[in-house]
Amino acid sequence: PAILSMPPIEGGIGLDVRQHRVVVPHLTQEVITMLRAYEPKLAPVE
């Protein structure tokens, strides 16, 4: 378990660039690898 809660995703009509914050409270080995071993900026997310 890495993500314990997910805030609601706000959608809407239009071409606005929307921001979404996700808090990852447990720094498991996978999370540390993802955020420190790789360059996460501009990594694709779904």
PDB file of all heavy atoms in Angstrom:
ATOM      1  N   PRO A   1       0.830  -1.192   0.000  1.00  0.00           N
ATOM      2  CA  PRO A   1       0.000   0.000   0.000  1.00  0.00           C
ATOM      3  C   PRO A   1       0.872   1.253   0.000  1.00  0.00           C
ATOM      4  O   PRO A   1       1.693   1.445   0.887  1.00  0.00           O
ATOM      5  CB  PRO A   1      -0.791  -0.112   1.292  1.00  0.00           C
ATOM      6  CG  PRO A   1       0.102  -0.891   2.215  1.00  0.00           C
ATOM      7  CD  PRO A   1       0.929  -1.791   1.334  1.00  0.00           C
ATOM      8  N   ALA A   2       0.723   2.082  -1.002  1.00  0.00           N
ATOM      9  CA  ALA A   2       1.518   3.306  -1.111  1.00  0.00           C
ATOM     10  C   ALA A   2       0.638   4.546  -0.997  1.00  0.00           C
ATOM     11  O   ALA A   2       1.041   5.530  -0.422  1.00  0.00           O
ATOM     12  CB  ALA A   2       2.275   3.315  -2.429  1.00  0.00           C
ATOM     13  N   ILE A   3      -0.549   4.475  -1.558  1.00  0.00           N
ATOM     14  CA  ILE A   3      -1.459   5.619  -1.546  1.00  0.00           C
ATOM     15  C   ILE A   3      -2.659   5.234  -0.689  1.00  0.00           C
ATOM     16  O   ILE A   3      -3.434   4.364  -1.067  1.00  0.00           O
ATOM     17  CB  ILE A   3      -1.896   5.985  -2.974  1.00  0.00           C
ATOM     18  CG1 ILE A   3      -0.663   6.303  -3.821  1.00  0.00           C
ATOM     19  CG2 ILE A   3      -2.870   7.141  -2.965  1.00  0.00           C
ATOM     20  CD1 ILE A   3      -0.932   6.414  -5.286  1.00  0.00           C
ATOM     21  N   LEU A   4      -2.795   5.875   0.464  1.00  0.00           N
ATOM     22  CA  LEU A   4      -3.873   5.496   1.377  1.00  0.00           C
ATOM     23  C   LEU A   4      -5.177   6.197   1.064  1.00  0.00           C
ATOM     24  O   LEU A   4      -6.250   5.648   1.292  1.00  0.00           O
ATOM     25  CB  LEU A   4      -3.452   5.770   2.822  1.00  0.00           C
ATOM     26  CG  LEU A   4      -2.224   4.989   3.287  1.00  0.00           C
ATOM     27  CD1 LEU A   4      -1.912   5.314   4.731  1.00  0.00           C
ATOM     28  CD2 LEU A   4      -2.433   3.497   3.095  1.00  0.00           C
ATOM     29  N   SER A   5      -5.104   7.432   0.567  1.00  0.00           N
ATOM     30  CA  SER A   5      -6.336   8.143   0.219  1.00  0.00           C
ATOM     31  C   SER A   5      -6.070   8.977  -1.028  1.00  0.00           C
ATOM     32  O   SER A   5      -4.963   9.467  -1.232  1.00  0.00           O
ATOM     33  CB  SER A   5      -6.807   9.033   1.369  1.00  0.00           C
ATOM     34  OG  SER A   5      -5.872  10.068   1.585  1.00  0.00           O
ATOM     35  N   MET A   6      -7.100   9.122  -1.810  1.00  0.00           N
ATOM     36  CA  MET A   6      -6.999   9.886  -3.048  1.00  0.00           C
ATOM     37  C   MET A   6      -8.033  10.996  -2.999  1.00  0.00           C
ATOM     38  O   MET A   6      -9.229  10.731  -2.886  1.00  0.00           O
ATOM     39  CB  MET A   6      -7.272   8.968  -4.240  1.00  0.00           C
ATOM     40  CG  MET A   6      -7.219   9.649  -5.584  1.00  0.00           C
ATOM     41  SD  MET A   6      -5.600  10.171  -6.093  1.00  0.00           S
ATOM     42  CE  MET A   6      -4.785   8.628  -6.320  1.00  0.00           C
ATOM     43  N   PRO A   7      -7.569  12.257  -3.079  1.00  0.00           N
ATOM     44  CA  PRO A   7      -8.542  13.351  -3.095  1.00  0.00           C
ATOM     45  C   PRO A   7      -9.375  13.273  -4.376  1.00  0.00           C
ATOM     46  O   PRO A   7      -8.929  12.714  -5.381  1.00  0.00           O
ATOM     47  CB  PRO A   7      -7.677  14.606  -3.063  1.00  0.00           C
ATOM     48  CG  PRO A   7      -6.320  14.181  -3.438  1.00  0.00           C
ATOM     49  CD  PRO A   7      -6.202  12.720  -3.152  1.00  0.00           C
ATOM     50  N   PRO A   8     -10.585  13.805  -4.352  1.00  0.00           N
ATOM     51  CA  PRO A   8     -11.424  13.744  -5.557  1.00  0.00           C
ATOM     52  C   PRO A   8     -10.760  14.460  -6.730  1.00  0.00           C
ATOM     53  O   PRO A   8     -10.113  15.489  -6.553  1.00  0.00           O
ATOM     54  CB  PRO A   8     -12.717  14.452  -5.153  1.00  0.00           C
ATOM     55  CG  PRO A   8     -12.530  14.945  -3.774  1.00  0.00           C
ATOM     56  CD  PRO A   8     -11.215  14.500  -3.259  1.00  0.00           C
ATOM     57  N   ILE A   9     -10.911  13.884  -7.898  1.00  0.00           N
ATOM     58  CA  ILE A   9     -10.338  14.472  -9.104  1.00  0.00           C
ATOM     59  C   ILE A   9     -11.363  15.413  -9.696  1.00  0.00           C
ATOM     60  O   ILE A   9     -12.490  15.024  -9.980  1.00  0.00           O
ATOM     61  CB  ILE A   9      -9.943  13.372 -10.107  1.00  0.00           C
ATOM     62  CG1 ILE A   9      -8.830  12.525  -9.486  1.00  0.00           C
ATOM     63  CG2 ILE A   9      -9.504  13.976 -11.432  1.00  0.00           C
ATOM     64  CD1 ILE A   9      -8.433  11.337 -10.294  1.00  0.00           C
ATOM     65  N   GLU A  10     -10.953  16.676  -9.849  1.00  0.00           N
ATOM     66  CA  GLU A  10     -11.860  17.683 -10.389  1.00  0.00           C
ATOM     67  C   GLU A  10     -11.752  17.693 -11.907  1.00  0.00           C
ATOM     68  O   GLU A  10     -10.671  17.854 -12.460  1.00  0.00           O
ATOM     69  CB  GLU A  10     -11.512  19.061  -9.836  1.00  0.00           C
ATOM     70  CG  GLU A  10     -11.705  19.171  -8.341  1.00  0.00           C
ATOM     71  CD  GLU A  10     -11.291  20.526  -7.811  1.00  0.00           C
ATOM     72  OE1 GLU A  10     -11.099  21.453  -8.610  1.00  0.00           O
ATOM     73  OE2 GLU A  10     -11.158  20.645  -6.594  1.00  0.00           O
ATOM     74  N   GLY A  11     -12.856  17.510 -12.557  1.00  0.00           N
ATOM     75  CA  GLY A  11     -12.903  17.563 -14.010  1.00  0.00           C
ATOM     76  C   GLY A  11     -13.717  18.753 -14.444  1.00  0.00           C
ATOM     77  O   GLY A  11     -14.246  19.503 -13.626  1.00  0.00           O
ATOM     78  N   GLY A  12     -13.796  18.932 -15.717  1.00  0.00           N
ATOM     79  CA  GLY A  12     -14.592  20.035 -16.210  1.00  0.00           C
ATOM     80  C   GLY A  12     -14.462  20.167 -17.710  1.00  0.00           C
ATOM     81  O   GLY A  12     -13.640  19.518 -18.344  1.00  0.00           O
ATOM     82  N   ILE A  13     -15.291  21.016 -18.255  1.00  0.00           N
ATOM     83  CA  ILE A  13     -15.274  21.268 -19.684  1.00  0.00           C
ATOM     84  C   ILE A  13     -14.259  22.365 -19.966  1.00  0.00           C
ATOM     85  O   ILE A  13     -14.174  23.344 -19.243  1.00  0.00           O
ATOM     86  CB  ILE A  13     -16.675  21.682 -20.168  1.00  0.00           C
ATOM     87  CG1 ILE A  13     -17.655  20.542 -19.920  1.00  0.00           C
ATOM     88  CG2 ILE A  13     -16.654  22.065 -21.633  1.00  0.00           C
ATOM     89  CD1 ILE A  13     -19.095  20.901 -20.187  1.00  0.00           C
ATOM     90  N   GLY A  14     -13.506  22.191 -21.011  1.00  0.00           N
ATOM     91  CA  GLY A  14     -12.536  23.215 -21.388  1.00  0.00           C
ATOM     92  C   GLY A  14     -11.140  22.667 -21.470  1.00  0.00           C
ATOM     93  O   GLY A  14     -10.902  21.476 -21.272  1.00  0.00           O
ATOM     94  N   LEU A  15     -10.224  23.544 -21.753  1.00  0.00           N
ATOM     95  CA  LEU A  15      -8.840  23.148 -21.952  1.00  0.00           C
ATOM     96  C   LEU A  15      -7.927  23.652 -20.842  1.00  0.00           C
ATOM     97  O   LEU A  15      -6.741  23.872 -21.057  1.00  0.00           O
ATOM     98  CB  LEU A  15      -8.352  23.668 -23.312  1.00  0.00           C
ATOM     99  CG  LEU A  15      -9.119  23.132 -24.513  1.00  0.00           C
ATOM    100  CD1 LEU A  15      -8.653  23.805 -25.794  1.00  0.00           C
ATOM    101  CD2 LEU A  15      -8.978  21.630 -24.616  1.00  0.00           C
ATOM    102  N   ASP A  16      -8.491  23.829 -19.664  1.00  0.00           N
ATOM    103  CA  ASP A  16      -7.687  24.285 -18.536  1.00  0.00           C
ATOM    104  C   ASP A  16      -6.717  23.192 -18.105  1.00  0.00           C
ATOM    105  O   ASP A  16      -7.087  22.011 -18.064  1.00  0.00           O
ATOM    106  CB  ASP A  16      -8.574  24.653 -17.338  1.00  0.00           C
ATOM    107  CG  ASP A  16      -9.464  25.847 -17.620  1.00  0.00           C
ATOM    108  OD1 ASP A  16      -9.093  26.665 -18.486  1.00  0.00           O
ATOM    109  OD2 ASP A  16     -10.525  25.948 -16.993  1.00  0.00           O
ATOM    110  N   VAL A  17      -5.501  23.579 -17.768  1.00  0.00           N
ATOM    111  CA  VAL A  17      -4.536  22.634 -17.223  1.00  0.00           C
ATOM    112  C   VAL A  17      -4.886  22.463 -15.747  1.00  0.00           C
ATOM    113  O   VAL A  17      -4.787  23.400 -14.964  1.00  0.00           O
ATOM    114  CB  VAL A  17      -3.093  23.144 -17.396  1.00  0.00           C
ATOM    115  CG1 VAL A  17      -2.110  22.162 -16.779  1.00  0.00           C
ATOM    116  CG2 VAL A  17      -2.781  23.374 -18.860  1.00  0.00           C
ATOM    117  N   ARG A  18      -5.321  21.289 -15.374  1.00  0.00           N
ATOM    118  CA  ARG A  18      -5.746  21.024 -14.001  1.00  0.00           C
ATOM    119  C   ARG A  18      -4.610  20.383 -13.215  1.00  0.00           C
ATOM    120  O   ARG A  18      -3.848  19.592 -13.745  1.00  0.00           O
ATOM    121  CB  ARG A  18      -6.953  20.119 -13.994  1.00  0.00           C
ATOM    122  CG  ARG A  18      -8.106  20.714 -14.795  1.00  0.00           C
ATOM    123  CD  ARG A  18      -9.416  20.046 -14.499  1.00  0.00           C
ATOM    124  NE  ARG A  18     -10.468  20.457 -15.400  1.00  0.00           N
ATOM    125  CZ  ARG A  18     -11.080  21.624 -15.393  1.00  0.00           C
ATOM    126  NH1 ARG A  18     -10.733  22.521 -14.517  1.00  0.00           N
ATOM    127  NH2 ARG A  18     -12.027  21.908 -16.253  1.00  0.00           N
ATOM    128  N   GLN A  19      -4.536  20.742 -11.937  1.00  0.00           N
ATOM    129  CA  GLN A  19      -3.518  20.179 -11.056  1.00  0.00           C
ATOM    130  C   GLN A  19      -4.191  19.269 -10.040  1.00  0.00           C
ATOM    131  O   GLN A  19      -5.323  19.520  -9.617  1.00  0.00           O
ATOM    132  CB  GLN A  19      -2.752  21.283 -10.335  1.00  0.00           C
ATOM    133  CG  GLN A  19      -1.959  22.149 -11.271  1.00  0.00           C
ATOM    134  CD  GLN A  19      -1.118  23.167 -10.527  1.00  0.00           C
ATOM    135  OE1 GLN A  19      -1.194  23.304  -9.313  1.00  0.00           O
ATOM    136  NE2 GLN A  19      -0.291  23.879 -11.262  1.00  0.00           N
ATOM    137  N   HIS A  20      -3.480  18.231  -9.669  1.00  0.00           N
ATOM    138  CA  HIS A  20      -4.001  17.257  -8.721  1.00  0.00           C
ATOM    139  C   HIS A  20      -2.865  16.855  -7.776  1.00  0.00           C
ATOM    140  O   HIS A  20      -1.805  16.460  -8.232  1.00  0.00           O
ATOM    141  CB  HIS A  20      -4.533  16.037  -9.487  1.00  0.00           C
ATOM    142  CG  HIS A  20      -5.243  15.049  -8.641  1.00  0.00           C
ATOM    143  ND1 HIS A  20      -6.443  15.321  -8.025  1.00  0.00           N
ATOM    144  CD2 HIS A  20      -4.925  13.784  -8.297  1.00  0.00           C
ATOM    145  CE1 HIS A  20      -6.834  14.252  -7.355  1.00  0.00           C
ATOM    146  NE2 HIS A  20      -5.925  13.318  -7.498  1.00  0.00           N
ATOM    147  N   ARG A  21      -3.105  17.004  -6.474  1.00  0.00           N
ATOM    148  CA  ARG A  21      -2.091  16.649  -5.481  1.00  0.00           C
ATOM    149  C   ARG A  21      -2.391  15.276  -4.899  1.00  0.00           C
ATOM    150  O   ARG A  21      -3.504  15.008  -4.468  1.00  0.00           O
ATOM    151  CB  ARG A  21      -2.075  17.654  -4.332  1.00  0.00           C
ATOM    152  CG  ARG A  21      -1.598  19.000  -4.720  1.00  0.00           C
ATOM    153  CD  ARG A  21      -1.506  19.929  -3.497  1.00  0.00           C
ATOM    154  NE  ARG A  21      -1.307  21.292  -3.895  1.00  0.00           N
ATOM    155  CZ  ARG A  21      -0.144  21.795  -4.276  1.00  0.00           C
ATOM    156  NH1 ARG A  21       0.908  21.035  -4.311  1.00  0.00           N
ATOM    157  NH2 ARG A  21      -0.036  23.054  -4.637  1.00  0.00           N
ATOM    158  N   VAL A  22      -1.349  14.440  -4.893  1.00  0.00           N
ATOM    159  CA  VAL A  22      -1.467  13.102  -4.311  1.00  0.00           C
ATOM    160  C   VAL A  22      -0.397  12.982  -3.234  1.00  0.00           C
ATOM    161  O   VAL A  22       0.791  13.147  -3.505  1.00  0.00           O
ATOM    162  CB  VAL A  22      -1.270  12.001  -5.372  1.00  0.00           C
ATOM    163  CG1 VAL A  22      -1.340  10.622  -4.742  1.00  0.00           C
ATOM    164  CG2 VAL A  22      -2.304  12.132  -6.477  1.00  0.00           C
ATOM    165  N   VAL A  23      -0.827  12.693  -2.011  1.00  0.00           N
ATOM    166  CA  VAL A  23       0.108  12.519  -0.903  1.00  0.00           C
ATOM    167  C   VAL A  23       0.418  11.034  -0.774  1.00  0.00           C
ATOM    168  O   VAL A  23      -0.484  10.204  -0.714  1.00  0.00           O
ATOM    169  CB  VAL A  23      -0.481  13.071   0.417  1.00  0.00           C
ATOM    170  CG1 VAL A  23       0.457  12.790   1.576  1.00  0.00           C
ATOM    171  CG2 VAL A  23      -0.737  14.561   0.287  1.00  0.00           C
ATOM    172  N   VAL A  24       1.705  10.732  -0.769  1.00  0.00           N
ATOM    173  CA  VAL A  24       2.158   9.354  -0.585  1.00  0.00           C
ATOM    174  C   VAL A  24       2.772   9.298   0.810  1.00  0.00           C
ATOM    175  O   VAL A  24       3.923   9.681   1.011  1.00  0.00           O
ATOM    176  CB  VAL A  24       3.190   8.967  -1.671  1.00  0.00           C
ATOM    177  CG1 VAL A  24       3.597   7.517  -1.522  1.00  0.00           C
ATOM    178  CG2 VAL A  24       2.636   9.241  -3.057  1.00  0.00           C
ATOM    179  N   PRO A  25       1.984   8.842   1.822  1.00  0.00           N
ATOM    180  CA  PRO A  25       2.441   8.940   3.204  1.00  0.00           C
ATOM    181  C   PRO A  25       3.487   7.907   3.605  1.00  0.00           C
ATOM    182  O   PRO A  25       4.263   8.147   4.514  1.00  0.00           O
ATOM    183  CB  PRO A  25       1.161   8.757   4.016  1.00  0.00           C
ATOM    184  CG  PRO A  25       0.271   7.972   3.130  1.00  0.00           C
ATOM    185  CD  PRO A  25       0.623   8.337   1.732  1.00  0.00           C
ATOM    186  N   HIS A  26       3.507   6.762   2.945  1.00  0.00           N
ATOM    187  CA  HIS A  26       4.459   5.718   3.316  1.00  0.00           C
ATOM    188  C   HIS A  26       5.566   5.663   2.276  1.00  0.00           C
ATOM    189  O   HIS A  26       5.316   5.359   1.123  1.00  0.00           O
ATOM    190  CB  HIS A  26       3.777   4.348   3.401  1.00  0.00           C
ATOM    191  CG  HIS A  26       2.762   4.276   4.478  1.00  0.00           C
ATOM    192  ND1 HIS A  26       3.095   4.197   5.799  1.00  0.00           N
ATOM    193  CD2 HIS A  26       1.413   4.300   4.432  1.00  0.00           C
ATOM    194  CE1 HIS A  26       1.989   4.158   6.526  1.00  0.00           C
ATOM    195  NE2 HIS A  26       0.957   4.228   5.723  1.00  0.00           N
ATOM    196  N   LEU A  27       6.770   5.973   2.708  1.00  0.00           N
ATOM    197  CA  LEU A  27       7.888   5.923   1.779  1.00  0.00           C
ATOM    198  C   LEU A  27       8.431   4.497   1.732  1.00  0.00           C
ATOM    199  O   LEU A  27       9.458   4.173   2.318  1.00  0.00           O
ATOM    200  CB  LEU A  27       8.970   6.923   2.190  1.00  0.00           C
ATOM    201  CG  LEU A  27       8.565   8.389   2.074  1.00  0.00           C
ATOM    202  CD1 LEU A  27       9.697   9.298   2.504  1.00  0.00           C
ATOM    203  CD2 LEU A  27       8.138   8.722   0.665  1.00  0.00           C
ATOM    204  N   THR A  28       7.708   3.649   1.028  1.00  0.00           N
ATOM    205  CA  THR A  28       8.156   2.275   0.834  1.00  0.00           C
ATOM    206  C   THR A  28       9.353   2.287  -0.109  1.00  0.00           C
ATOM    207  O   THR A  28       9.666   3.299  -0.737  1.00  0.00           O
ATOM    208  CB  THR A  28       7.030   1.418   0.239  1.00  0.00           C
ATOM    209  OG1 THR A  28       6.690   1.953  -1.041  1.00  0.00           O
ATOM    210  CG2 THR A  28       5.803   1.408   1.139  1.00  0.00           C
ATOM    211  N   GLN A  29      10.013   1.159  -0.232  1.00  0.00           N
ATOM    212  CA  GLN A  29      11.187   1.076  -1.096  1.00  0.00           C
ATOM    213  C   GLN A  29      10.827   1.421  -2.539  1.00  0.00           C
ATOM    214  O   GLN A  29      11.596   2.071  -3.242  1.00  0.00           O
ATOM    215  CB  GLN A  29      11.808  -0.322  -1.015  1.00  0.00           C
ATOM    216  CG  GLN A  29      13.152  -0.403  -1.702  1.00  0.00           C
ATOM    217  CD  GLN A  29      14.158   0.596  -1.145  1.00  0.00           C
ATOM    218  OE1 GLN A  29      14.312   0.752   0.062  1.00  0.00           O
ATOM    219  NE2 GLN A  29      14.862   1.283  -2.027  1.00  0.00           N
ATOM    220  N   GLU A  30       9.643   1.033  -2.999  1.00  0.00           N
ATOM    221  CA  GLU A  30       9.224   1.332  -4.372  1.00  0.00           C
ATOM    222  C   GLU A  30       9.025   2.829  -4.579  1.00  0.00           C
ATOM    223  O   GLU A  30       9.395   3.378  -5.615  1.00  0.00           O
ATOM    224  CB  GLU A  30       7.937   0.573  -4.709  1.00  0.00           C
ATOM    225  CG  GLU A  30       8.089  -0.915  -4.810  1.00  0.00           C
ATOM    226  CD  GLU A  30       8.108  -1.621  -3.457  1.00  0.00           C
ATOM    227  OE1 GLU A  30       7.648  -1.033  -2.468  1.00  0.00           O
ATOM    228  OE2 GLU A  30       8.608  -2.755  -3.403  1.00  0.00           O
ATOM    229  N   VAL A  31       8.441   3.502  -3.589  1.00  0.00           N
ATOM    230  CA  VAL A  31       8.227   4.945  -3.686  1.00  0.00           C
ATOM    231  C   VAL A  31       9.571   5.671  -3.691  1.00  0.00           C
ATOM    232  O   VAL A  31       9.791   6.584  -4.487  1.00  0.00           O
ATOM    233  CB  VAL A  31       7.336   5.455  -2.532  1.00  0.00           C
ATOM    234  CG1 VAL A  31       7.258   6.970  -2.536  1.00  0.00           C
ATOM    235  CG2 VAL A  31       5.946   4.848  -2.625  1.00  0.00           C
ATOM    236  N   ILE A  32      10.481   5.261  -2.836  1.00  0.00           N
ATOM    237  CA  ILE A  32      11.802   5.882  -2.784  1.00  0.00           C
ATOM    238  C   ILE A  32      12.527   5.683  -4.111  1.00  0.00           C
ATOM    239  O   ILE A  32      13.135   6.610  -4.643  1.00  0.00           O
ATOM    240  CB  ILE A  32      12.618   5.320  -1.599  1.00  0.00           C
ATOM    241  CG1 ILE A  32      12.000   5.794  -0.277  1.00  0.00           C
ATOM    242  CG2 ILE A  32      14.083   5.734  -1.688  1.00  0.00           C
ATOM    243  CD1 ILE A  32      12.547   5.126   0.944  1.00  0.00           C
ATOM    244  N   THR A  33      12.439   4.477  -4.661  1.00  0.00           N
ATOM    245  CA  THR A  33      13.061   4.209  -5.966  1.00  0.00           C
ATOM    246  C   THR A  33      12.451   5.092  -7.037  1.00  0.00           C
ATOM    247  O   THR A  33      13.157   5.686  -7.850  1.00  0.00           O
ATOM    248  CB  THR A  33      12.892   2.726  -6.351  1.00  0.00           C
ATOM    249  OG1 THR A  33      13.530   1.927  -5.359  1.00  0.00           O
ATOM    250  CG2 THR A  33      13.494   2.444  -7.715  1.00  0.00           C
ATOM    251  N   MET A  34      11.128   5.201  -7.037  1.00  0.00           N
ATOM    252  CA  MET A  34      10.447   5.987  -8.056  1.00  0.00           C
ATOM    253  C   MET A  34      10.822   7.463  -7.979  1.00  0.00           C
ATOM    254  O   MET A  34      11.037   8.104  -9.001  1.00  0.00           O
ATOM    255  CB  MET A  34       8.926   5.837  -7.915  1.00  0.00           C
ATOM    256  CG  MET A  34       8.146   6.561  -8.990  1.00  0.00           C
ATOM    257  SD  MET A  34       6.379   6.352  -8.839  1.00  0.00           S
ATOM    258  CE  MET A  34       6.008   7.428  -7.473  1.00  0.00           C
ATOM    259  N   LEU A  35      10.920   8.013  -6.782  1.00  0.00           N
ATOM    260  CA  LEU A  35      11.139   9.451  -6.634  1.00  0.00           C
ATOM    261  C   LEU A  35      12.609   9.856  -6.543  1.00  0.00           C
ATOM    262  O   LEU A  35      12.936  11.002  -6.835  1.00  0.00           O
ATOM    263  CB  LEU A  35      10.391   9.963  -5.402  1.00  0.00           C
ATOM    264  CG  LEU A  35       8.872   9.818  -5.446  1.00  0.00           C
ATOM    265  CD1 LEU A  35       8.256  10.341  -4.163  1.00  0.00           C
ATOM    266  CD2 LEU A  35       8.293  10.523  -6.655  1.00  0.00           C
ATOM    267  N   ARG A  36      13.479   8.940  -6.155  1.00  0.00           N
ATOM    268  CA  ARG A  36      14.890   9.315  -6.002  1.00  0.00           C
ATOM    269  C   ARG A  36      15.788   8.706  -7.069  1.00  0.00           C
ATOM    270  O   ARG A  36      16.741   9.351  -7.500  1.00  0.00           O
ATOM    271  CB  ARG A  36      15.384   8.920  -4.615  1.00  0.00           C
ATOM    272  CG  ARG A  36      14.772   9.800  -3.546  1.00  0.00           C
ATOM    273  CD  ARG A  36      15.591   9.782  -2.284  1.00  0.00           C
ATOM    274  NE  ARG A  36      15.103  10.803  -1.375  1.00  0.00           N
ATOM    275  CZ  ARG A  36      14.965  10.632  -0.082  1.00  0.00           C
ATOM    276  NH1 ARG A  36      15.296   9.498   0.472  1.00  0.00           N
ATOM    277  NH2 ARG A  36      14.511  11.609   0.678  1.00  0.00           N
ATOM    278  N   ALA A  37      15.532   7.489  -7.487  1.00  0.00           N
ATOM    279  CA  ALA A  37      16.412   6.844  -8.472  1.00  0.00           C
ATOM    280  C   ALA A  37      16.113   7.336  -9.884  1.00  0.00           C
ATOM    281  O   ALA A  37      16.998   7.356 -10.726  1.00  0.00           O
ATOM    282  CB  ALA A  37      16.264   5.328  -8.403  1.00  0.00           C
ATOM    283  N   TYR A  38      14.861   7.686 -10.152  1.00  0.00           N
ATOM    284  CA  TYR A  38      14.476   8.197 -11.461  1.00  0.00           C
ATOM    285  C   TYR A  38      14.209   9.690 -11.349  1.00  0.00           C
ATOM    286  O   TYR A  38      13.972  10.209 -10.267  1.00  0.00           O
ATOM    287  CB  TYR A  38      13.198   7.505 -11.962  1.00  0.00           C
ATOM    288  CG  TYR A  38      13.335   6.019 -12.117  1.00  0.00           C
ATOM    289  CD1 TYR A  38      12.760   5.156 -11.203  1.00  0.00           C
ATOM    290  CD2 TYR A  38      14.055   5.480 -13.174  1.00  0.00           C
ATOM    291  CE1 TYR A  38      12.880   3.780 -11.338  1.00  0.00           C
ATOM    292  CE2 TYR A  38      14.190   4.116 -13.317  1.00  0.00           C
ATOM    293  CZ  TYR A  38      13.598   3.272 -12.398  1.00  0.00           C
ATOM    294  OH  TYR A  38      13.732   1.917 -12.536  1.00  0.00           O
ATOM    295  N   GLU A  39      14.208  10.378 -12.468  1.00  0.00           N
ATOM    296  CA  GLU A  39      13.831  11.793 -12.486  1.00  0.00           C
ATOM    297  C   GLU A  39      12.322  11.836 -12.709  1.00  0.00           C
ATOM    298  O   GLU A  39      11.844  11.588 -13.809  1.00  0.00           O
ATOM    299  CB  GLU A  39      14.568  12.522 -13.612  1.00  0.00           C
ATOM    300  CG  GLU A  39      14.153  13.958 -13.788  1.00  0.00           C
ATOM    301  CD  GLU A  39      14.337  14.807 -12.530  1.00  0.00           C
ATOM    302  OE1 GLU A  39      15.386  14.708 -11.882  1.00  0.00           O
ATOM    303  OE2 GLU A  39      13.410  15.554 -12.190  1.00  0.00           O
ATOM    304  N   PRO A  40      11.533  12.123 -11.668  1.00  0.00           N
ATOM    305  CA  PRO A  40      10.080  12.029 -11.820  1.00  0.00           C
ATOM    306  C   PRO A  40       9.438  13.182 -12.593  1.00  0.00           C
ATOM    307  O   PRO A  40       8.332  13.035 -13.099  1.00  0.00           O
ATOM    308  CB  PRO A  40       9.572  11.995 -10.377  1.00  0.00           C
ATOM    309  CG  PRO A  40      10.623  12.711  -9.600  1.00  0.00           C
ATOM    310  CD  PRO A  40      11.921  12.429 -10.291  1.00  0.00           C
ATOM    311  N   LYS A  41      10.110  14.321 -12.709  1.00  0.00           N
ATOM    312  CA  LYS A  41       9.487  15.466 -13.382  1.00  0.00           C
ATOM    313  C   LYS A  41       9.163  15.097 -14.828  1.00  0.00           C
ATOM    314  O   LYS A  41       9.980  14.567 -15.548  1.00  0.00           O
ATOM    315  CB  LYS A  41      10.402  16.679 -13.340  1.00  0.00           C
ATOM    316  CG  LYS A  41       9.729  17.916 -13.907  1.00  0.00           C
ATOM    317  CD  LYS A  41      10.528  19.145 -13.584  1.00  0.00           C
ATOM    318  CE  LYS A  41       9.905  20.376 -14.174  1.00  0.00           C
ATOM    319  NZ  LYS A  41       8.756  20.843 -13.465  1.00  0.00           N
ATOM    320  N   LEU A  42       7.926  15.374 -15.217  1.00  0.00           N
ATOM    321  CA  LEU A  42       7.382  15.105 -16.544  1.00  0.00           C
ATOM    322  C   LEU A  42       7.209  13.621 -16.856  1.00  0.00           C
ATOM    323  O   LEU A  42       7.015  13.251 -18.006  1.00  0.00           O
ATOM    324  CB  LEU A  42       8.222  15.784 -17.637  1.00  0.00           C
ATOM    325  CG  LEU A  42       8.321  17.298 -17.538  1.00  0.00           C
ATOM    326  CD1 LEU A  42       9.193  17.841 -18.654  1.00  0.00           C
ATOM    327  CD2 LEU A  42       6.963  17.949 -17.574  1.00  0.00           C
ATOM    328  N   ALA A  43       7.264  12.775 -15.833  1.00  0.00           N
ATOM    329  CA  ALA A  43       6.975  11.352 -16.045  1.00  0.00           C
ATOM    330  C   ALA A  43       5.477  11.203 -16.298  1.00  0.00           C
ATOM    331  O   ALA A  43       4.658  11.856 -15.650  1.00  0.00           O
ATOM    332  CB  ALA A  43       7.385  10.532 -14.826  1.00  0.00           C
ATOM    333  N   PRO A  44       5.089  10.366 -17.262  1.00  0.00           N
ATOM    334  CA  PRO A  44       3.659  10.194 -17.536  1.00  0.00           C
ATOM    335  C   PRO A  44       2.948   9.513 -16.367  1.00  0.00           C
ATOM    336  O   PRO A  44       3.512   8.644 -15.708  1.00  0.00           O
ATOM    337  CB  PRO A  44       3.628   9.324 -18.787  1.00  0.00           C
ATOM    338  CG  PRO A  44       4.957   8.674 -18.854  1.00  0.00           C
ATOM    339  CD  PRO A  44       5.922   9.561 -18.136  1.00  0.00           C
ATOM    340  N   VAL A  45       1.708   9.936 -16.123  1.00  0.00           N
ATOM    341  CA  VAL A  45       0.915   9.421 -15.006  1.00  0.00           C
ATOM    342  C   VAL A  45      -0.495   9.110 -15.490  1.00  0.00           C
ATOM    343  O   VAL A  45      -1.075   9.871 -16.267  1.00  0.00           O
ATOM    344  CB  VAL A  45       0.824  10.465 -13.867  1.00  0.00           C
ATOM    345  CG1 VAL A  45      -0.127  10.012 -12.783  1.00  0.00           C
ATOM    346  CG2 VAL A  45       2.181  10.749 -13.289  1.00  0.00           C
ATOM    347  N   GLU A  46      -1.020   7.998 -15.025  1.00  0.00           N
ATOM    348  CA  GLU A  46      -2.430   7.671 -15.215  1.00  0.00           C
ATOM    349  C   GLU A  46      -2.991   7.264 -13.862  1.00  0.00           C
ATOM    350  O   GLU A  46      -2.332   6.566 -13.108  1.00  0.00           O
ATOM    351  CB  GLU A  46      -2.608   6.512 -16.198  1.00  0.00           C
ATOM    352  CG  GLU A  46      -2.284   6.856 -17.622  1.00  0.00           C
ATOM    353  CD  GLU A  46      -2.537   5.693 -18.578  1.00  0.00           C
ATOM    354  OE1 GLU A  46      -2.863   4.583 -18.111  1.00  0.00           O
ATOM    355  OE2 GLU A  46      -2.400   5.903 -19.782  1.00  0.00           O
TER     356      GLU A  46
END
